[in-house]
Protein backbone atom coordinates (compact mmCIF):
# COMPACT_ATOMS: atom_id res chain seq x y z
CA MET A 1 75.34 131.40 79.25
CA LYS A 2 78.37 133.50 78.69
CA ILE A 3 80.26 133.95 82.06
CA ASN A 4 82.73 136.91 81.71
CA ILE A 5 84.65 137.49 84.65
CA ALA A 6 87.70 139.35 85.91
CA VAL A 7 90.03 137.49 88.27
CA LEU A 8 92.16 139.68 90.66
CA PRO A 9 94.18 137.25 92.78
CA GLY A 10 95.98 140.03 94.68
CA ASP A 11 98.57 139.43 97.40
CA GLY A 12 99.58 136.68 99.95
CA ILE A 13 97.42 133.69 99.63
CA GLY A 14 95.14 135.33 97.23
CA PRO A 15 96.63 133.73 94.00
CA GLU A 16 96.52 130.26 95.70
CA VAL A 17 92.93 130.24 96.75
CA MET A 18 91.70 132.04 93.58
CA ALA A 19 93.33 129.22 91.59
CA GLN A 20 91.00 126.67 93.57
CA ALA A 21 87.96 128.97 93.05
CA MET A 22 88.60 128.99 89.30
CA LYS A 23 88.74 125.14 89.33
CA ALA A 24 85.28 125.09 90.77
CA VAL A 25 84.15 127.83 88.25
CA LYS A 26 85.55 125.87 85.31
CA ALA A 27 84.02 122.69 86.49
CA ILE A 28 80.76 124.31 86.69
CA CYS A 29 80.89 125.96 83.44
CA ARG A 30 81.85 122.69 81.84
CA LYS A 31 79.07 120.68 83.52
CA TYR A 32 76.34 123.27 82.61
CA GLY A 33 77.76 124.19 79.20
CA HIS A 34 78.45 127.92 80.02
CA GLU A 35 81.01 129.87 77.86
CA LEU A 36 83.65 131.03 80.34
CA THR A 37 85.82 134.08 79.56
CA CYS A 38 88.24 135.00 82.39
CA ARG A 39 91.14 137.40 82.52
CA GLU A 40 93.52 138.16 85.33
CA ALA A 41 94.81 141.58 86.48
CA PRO A 42 97.05 142.85 89.37
CA VAL A 43 95.57 144.67 92.47
CA GLY A 44 97.27 145.56 95.90
CA ALA A 45 100.97 145.13 96.76
CA CYS A 46 101.64 143.27 93.62
CA ALA A 47 100.31 146.08 91.55
CA ILE A 48 102.31 148.72 93.43
CA GLU A 49 105.55 146.64 92.75
CA ALA A 50 104.66 146.35 89.07
CA SER A 51 103.35 149.88 88.31
CA GLY A 52 103.35 152.04 91.61
CA ASP A 53 99.51 151.93 91.61
CA PRO A 54 97.63 149.54 93.85
CA TYR A 55 94.60 149.74 91.54
CA PRO A 56 95.87 150.35 87.99
CA ALA A 57 93.64 151.97 85.30
CA ALA A 58 93.99 148.76 83.20
CA THR A 59 92.74 146.69 86.09
CA HIS A 60 89.72 148.87 86.58
CA ALA A 61 89.05 148.85 82.83
CA LEU A 62 88.95 145.02 82.92
CA CYS A 63 86.49 145.02 85.90
CA MET A 64 84.20 147.57 84.00
CA GLN A 65 84.27 145.15 81.10
CA SER A 66 83.42 142.17 82.96
CA ASP A 67 80.16 140.88 84.40
CA ALA A 68 81.64 140.01 87.89
CA VAL A 69 85.02 140.11 89.54
CA LEU A 70 86.46 137.35 91.69
CA PHE A 71 89.06 138.73 94.06
CA GLY A 72 91.41 137.20 96.40
CA ALA A 73 93.19 139.43 98.94
CA ILE A 74 95.17 142.53 99.59
CA GLY A 75 98.05 143.25 101.96
CA ALA A 76 101.81 142.65 102.54
CA PRO A 77 103.98 142.84 105.55
CA LYS A 78 106.30 145.26 103.76
CA TYR A 79 103.66 147.99 103.89
CA ASP A 80 101.94 146.97 107.28
CA ALA A 81 105.37 147.59 109.01
CA ASP A 82 105.85 151.09 107.54
CA PRO A 83 103.23 153.52 108.84
CA ALA A 84 104.73 156.31 106.80
CA ALA A 85 104.32 154.49 103.51
CA LYS A 86 102.51 156.99 101.08
CA ILE A 87 101.20 154.29 98.83
CA ARG A 88 99.46 151.31 100.50
CA PRO A 89 97.90 147.96 99.15
CA GLU A 90 94.70 148.87 101.03
CA GLN A 91 94.26 152.03 98.98
CA GLY A 92 93.69 149.82 95.98
CA LEU A 93 90.80 148.21 97.75
CA LEU A 94 89.32 151.57 98.61
CA ALA A 95 89.77 152.74 95.19
CA MET A 96 88.11 149.58 93.65
CA ARG A 97 85.15 150.14 95.97
CA ARG A 98 84.82 153.65 95.06
CA GLN A 99 85.22 153.43 91.25
CA LEU A 100 83.04 150.38 90.95
CA GLY A 101 80.49 151.90 93.17
CA LEU A 102 80.59 148.89 95.67
CA TYR A 103 78.27 150.32 98.12
CA ALA A 104 77.10 147.15 99.87
CA ASN A 105 79.22 144.12 101.29
CA ILE A 106 76.96 141.12 101.89
CA ARG A 107 78.47 138.44 104.19
CA PRO A 108 76.15 135.39 104.82
CA VAL A 109 77.14 133.72 108.15
CA THR A 110 76.15 130.04 108.34
CA THR A 111 77.58 127.11 110.39
CA PHE A 112 78.71 123.75 109.09
CA PRO A 113 78.03 120.63 111.15
CA ALA A 114 81.57 119.36 110.55
CA LEU A 115 83.00 122.60 112.24
CA LEU A 116 80.62 123.07 115.22
CA HIS A 117 83.26 121.67 117.59
CA GLN A 118 85.74 124.25 116.46
CA SER A 119 83.62 127.29 117.21
CA PRO A 120 84.60 129.27 120.42
CA LEU A 121 80.91 129.06 121.13
CA ARG A 122 78.98 126.21 122.50
CA PRO A 123 77.49 124.03 119.76
CA GLU A 124 73.88 124.58 120.97
CA LEU A 125 74.43 128.28 120.51
CA ILE A 126 75.55 128.10 116.97
CA GLU A 127 73.80 125.18 115.52
CA ASP A 128 71.68 126.26 112.50
CA VAL A 129 72.91 129.84 112.79
CA ASP A 130 71.71 131.45 109.49
CA LEU A 131 72.38 135.35 109.41
CA MET A 132 73.32 137.90 106.88
CA CYS A 133 75.36 141.12 107.52
CA ILE A 134 74.98 143.93 105.18
CA ARG A 135 77.70 146.44 105.45
CA GLU A 136 77.56 149.98 103.85
CA LEU A 137 80.80 150.12 101.96
CA THR A 138 81.67 153.46 100.34
CA GLY A 139 80.95 156.02 103.04
CA GLY A 140 81.55 156.68 106.64
CA ILE A 141 84.99 157.17 108.33
CA TYR A 142 87.03 155.26 105.87
CA PHE A 143 86.19 157.77 103.17
CA GLY A 144 85.33 160.93 105.12
CA ARG A 145 87.09 164.16 104.46
CA PRO A 146 88.91 165.92 105.98
CA GLN A 147 91.38 163.47 107.24
CA GLY A 148 94.97 163.83 108.30
CA ARG A 149 97.45 164.98 110.86
CA SER A 150 98.46 168.21 112.45
CA GLU A 151 101.56 169.99 111.29
CA ASP A 152 103.57 168.75 114.18
CA GLY A 153 102.30 165.21 113.54
CA ARG A 154 100.99 164.89 117.39
CA THR A 155 97.30 165.01 116.43
CA ALA A 156 95.35 163.02 113.83
CA TYR A 157 91.76 163.13 112.81
CA ASP A 158 89.19 161.18 110.69
CA THR A 159 85.88 162.34 109.62
CA CYS A 160 82.81 160.28 109.56
CA ILE A 161 80.19 161.48 106.99
CA TYR A 162 76.98 159.94 105.67
CA SER A 163 74.35 161.43 103.37
CA HIS A 164 70.55 160.57 103.25
CA GLU A 165 70.92 158.93 99.97
CA GLU A 166 73.71 156.71 101.00
CA ILE A 167 71.87 155.33 104.15
CA GLU A 168 68.38 155.08 102.08
CA ARG A 169 70.24 153.02 99.33
CA ILE A 170 71.69 150.43 101.74
CA VAL A 171 68.75 150.08 104.05
CA ARG A 172 66.32 149.53 101.04
CA LEU A 173 68.66 146.77 100.06
CA ALA A 174 68.64 145.32 103.47
CA TYR A 175 64.72 145.24 103.54
CA ALA A 176 64.83 143.52 100.19
CA TYR A 177 66.99 140.69 101.51
CA ALA A 178 64.88 140.41 104.74
CA LEU A 179 61.72 139.94 102.66
CA LYS A 180 63.42 136.80 101.04
CA ARG A 181 64.43 135.43 104.34
CA ARG A 182 62.77 135.42 107.72
CA ARG A 183 61.50 139.03 107.69
CA LYS A 184 63.46 140.52 110.53
CA LEU A 185 65.86 143.50 110.14
CA THR A 186 68.28 144.66 112.77
CA VAL A 187 69.64 148.18 112.32
CA VAL A 188 72.92 148.54 114.26
CA ASP A 189 74.04 152.23 115.09
CA LYS A 190 75.47 154.25 117.98
CA ALA A 191 72.44 156.82 117.85
CA ASN A 192 72.93 157.70 121.54
CA VAL A 193 76.42 159.29 120.85
CA LEU A 194 76.98 159.75 117.05
CA ALA A 195 75.15 162.44 114.77
CA THR A 196 75.62 160.08 111.71
CA SER A 197 73.98 157.14 113.60
CA ARG A 198 70.97 159.43 114.43
CA LEU A 199 70.69 160.21 110.57
CA TRP A 200 70.74 156.43 110.02
CA ARG A 201 67.95 155.86 112.49
CA GLN A 202 65.88 158.71 111.19
CA VAL A 203 66.11 157.49 107.59
CA THR A 204 65.37 154.01 108.52
CA GLN A 205 62.36 154.82 110.50
CA ASP A 206 61.04 156.66 107.51
CA ILE A 207 61.46 153.84 105.23
CA GLU A 208 60.28 151.31 107.91
CA ARG A 209 56.66 152.16 107.29
CA GLU A 210 56.84 150.81 103.84
CA TYR A 211 57.71 147.39 104.97
CA PRO A 212 55.06 146.46 107.58
CA ASP A 213 55.68 142.76 106.99
CA VAL A 214 59.40 143.14 108.15
CA GLU A 215 60.10 143.19 111.96
CA THR A 216 62.56 146.14 112.52
CA GLU A 217 64.78 146.43 115.42
CA TYR A 218 67.24 149.04 116.34
CA MET A 219 70.32 148.17 118.45
CA PHE A 220 73.42 149.96 119.75
CA VAL A 221 76.72 148.47 118.10
CA ASP A 222 77.89 147.54 121.58
CA ASN A 223 74.92 145.48 122.33
CA ALA A 224 74.98 143.89 118.87
CA ALA A 225 78.64 142.75 119.48
CA MET A 226 77.60 141.19 122.84
CA ARG A 227 74.36 139.66 121.14
CA LEU A 228 76.39 137.93 118.32
CA VAL A 229 78.26 135.88 120.83
CA GLN A 230 75.39 135.39 123.37
CA TRP A 231 72.53 134.65 120.93
CA PRO A 232 73.52 134.60 117.31
CA LYS A 233 70.36 132.74 116.25
CA SER A 234 68.30 135.81 117.21
CA PHE A 235 69.64 137.64 114.04
CA ASP A 236 68.29 137.44 110.51
CA VAL A 237 69.56 140.45 108.51
CA LEU A 238 71.74 143.08 110.05
CA VAL A 239 72.56 146.44 108.24
CA THR A 240 74.97 148.95 109.48
CA GLU A 241 77.59 151.65 108.58
CA ASN A 242 81.13 150.89 107.18
CA MET A 243 83.32 150.81 110.36
CA PHE A 244 80.75 149.04 112.48
CA GLY A 245 80.17 146.56 109.77
CA ASP A 246 83.90 145.80 109.32
CA ILE A 247 84.19 144.88 112.95
CA LEU A 248 80.97 143.04 113.58
CA THR A 249 81.31 140.92 110.28
CA ASP A 250 84.71 139.79 111.53
CA GLU A 251 83.50 138.93 114.90
CA ALA A 252 80.52 137.00 113.31
CA SER A 253 82.98 135.04 111.11
CA VAL A 254 84.52 133.42 114.12
CA ILE A 255 81.28 131.79 114.94
CA THR A 256 81.80 129.29 112.08
CA GLY A 257 84.79 127.91 113.45
CA SER A 258 87.30 129.26 110.81
CA LEU A 259 87.88 132.53 109.21
CA GLY A 260 88.72 130.52 106.11
CA MET A 261 85.05 129.49 105.47
CA LEU A 262 83.20 132.75 104.92
CA PRO A 263 82.57 134.33 101.49
CA SER A 264 81.31 137.80 100.71
CA ALA A 265 79.81 139.77 97.83
CA SER A 266 80.15 143.41 97.30
CA ILE A 267 77.24 144.57 95.35
CA GLY A 268 78.00 147.49 92.94
CA ILE A 269 76.61 150.15 90.78
CA HIS A 270 78.83 148.93 87.90
CA THR A 271 80.36 145.40 88.48
CA SER A 272 79.93 143.35 91.62
CA VAL A 273 82.92 141.79 93.47
CA PHE A 274 82.95 138.42 95.31
CA GLU A 275 85.78 137.67 97.66
CA PRO A 276 86.77 135.63 100.77
CA ILE A 277 86.98 137.76 103.95
CA HIS A 278 90.07 136.16 105.33
CA GLY A 279 92.62 138.61 104.12
CA SER A 280 96.03 137.94 102.61
CA TYR A 281 97.51 135.87 105.42
CA PRO A 282 101.03 136.40 104.25
CA GLN A 283 102.51 133.73 106.73
CA ALA A 284 100.90 131.00 104.66
CA ALA A 285 101.68 132.46 101.28
CA GLY A 286 103.38 130.08 98.75
CA LYS A 287 103.08 127.02 101.28
CA ASN A 288 99.98 125.41 99.65
CA ILE A 289 98.39 125.20 103.15
CA ALA A 290 95.75 127.98 103.12
CA ASN A 291 91.99 127.21 103.23
CA PRO A 292 90.36 127.75 99.76
CA LEU A 293 86.86 127.10 100.77
CA ALA A 294 85.88 130.86 101.42
CA ALA A 295 87.12 131.65 97.88
CA ILE A 296 85.26 128.66 96.41
CA LEU A 297 82.16 129.80 98.33
CA SER A 298 82.65 133.17 96.99
CA ALA A 299 82.35 131.69 93.45
CA ALA A 300 79.09 130.29 94.47
CA LEU A 301 77.81 133.54 95.43
CA MET A 302 79.08 134.98 92.04
CA PHE A 303 76.85 132.36 90.14
CA GLU A 304 73.73 133.28 92.30
CA TYR A 305 74.07 136.93 92.55
CA ALA A 306 75.87 138.14 89.27
CA PHE A 307 74.41 135.50 86.97
CA SER A 308 71.07 134.29 88.54
CA LEU A 309 72.21 130.77 88.51
CA PRO A 310 71.13 129.33 91.74
CA GLU A 311 71.55 125.65 90.83
CA GLU A 312 75.19 126.34 90.04
CA GLY A 313 75.71 127.95 93.37
CA ARG A 314 73.91 125.16 95.21
CA LEU A 315 76.27 122.57 93.63
CA VAL A 316 79.43 124.42 94.56
CA ARG A 317 78.25 124.59 98.26
CA GLU A 318 77.33 120.97 98.05
CA ALA A 319 80.77 120.11 96.80
CA VAL A 320 82.32 121.99 99.70
CA THR A 321 80.17 120.23 102.13
CA ALA A 322 81.11 116.97 100.79
CA SER A 323 84.87 117.90 100.98
CA MET A 324 84.52 118.78 104.55
CA HIS A 325 82.54 115.57 105.32
CA GLU A 326 85.13 113.59 103.63
CA GLY A 327 88.02 115.13 105.61
CA ILE A 328 89.59 116.75 102.48
CA VAL A 329 90.48 119.96 104.25
CA THR A 330 93.30 122.08 105.13
CA ASP A 331 95.07 122.09 108.42
CA ASP A 332 92.98 124.90 110.12
CA ILE A 333 89.94 122.76 110.08
CA ALA A 334 91.41 119.33 110.01
CA HIS A 335 91.05 118.82 113.81
CA GLY A 336 93.34 115.86 114.22
CA ARG A 337 92.64 114.48 110.87
CA THR A 338 95.46 114.29 108.22
CA PRO A 339 95.46 117.77 106.66
CA HIS A 340 95.24 118.15 102.86
CA SER A 341 96.92 120.98 100.81
CA THR A 342 95.15 123.92 99.14
CA SER A 343 95.34 122.50 95.87
CA GLU A 344 94.15 119.06 96.85
CA VAL A 345 90.95 120.60 98.45
CA GLY A 346 90.46 122.44 95.23
CA ASP A 347 90.82 119.26 93.06
CA ARG A 348 88.27 117.47 95.44
CA VAL A 349 85.51 120.15 95.12
CA ALA A 350 86.10 120.40 91.20
CA ALA A 351 85.81 116.52 91.02
CA TYR A 352 82.61 116.53 92.96
CA ILE A 353 81.05 119.03 90.62
CA LEU A 354 81.95 116.91 87.71
CA ASP A 355 80.72 113.64 89.20
């Protein structure tokens, strides 16, 4: 098969972890005889420094010409420390989501036996956790207009807007995933307070009748946040709006024992994007200490979702599990064992694939 991908390393640790993900991708393509084409492009702070645009037109064109995008991270302290900055790296991420039509972010949350002891939750609460968060990605308060400040700068406002069509699209996707899993869907909203949430609930209730084989429950976001730490195994598939999903998925990521372990897939109308959820982690940039496993697992999702190659995705995950079992891991999950560098972990995963 021809594997044509765009690689956007981005900022901070993005280039380092993407390099390891590409080791796994190249190993898979070599093992299975796939023809790989990959080209890099800038996004985020590095793109601002190069061209003044956090998502340049040339980067977008490359994404549109590719079958999938592997993306590292966006963000830099220079911009975080300047609230008055007119152009910010994160604008590149929002532009990429909007222009590629990335309407659904899918974050599988699973636990690893080697990391149960590192979770803040008791092992018996998280053992065998297997849930999926589906977050609407192109609507809500992050994209709502109007948005801004008053003339005197003392009042600011953001607007949360959702349409029937946006909600229906993401809810139907969530039902499709629930049918492939344990047939339970949790719709997270704040319908007792927010008009947009009431529309979410109304639209979902209309669609719910079409899926009698799926158990549908509705849960306020505060209750969902509590349930995630009290009883995470009670969830199968969760679907929610943009901001709620942003917060809940970061909360859920801690269950695994490390933020550096979770991949994600952003499903798009045009080209889908696969990325680790950990962010740019600028404190670790250039030190060869960042955990690359979430980026490598994002490549596994890419093989499965973008190219319908489940065996290739399974082998990547198997290689990650083997590396963890052998203790070939970075310091964040070494837990008293000798830590290995970012590149050493990537080398071990690639070697396992080719064995």
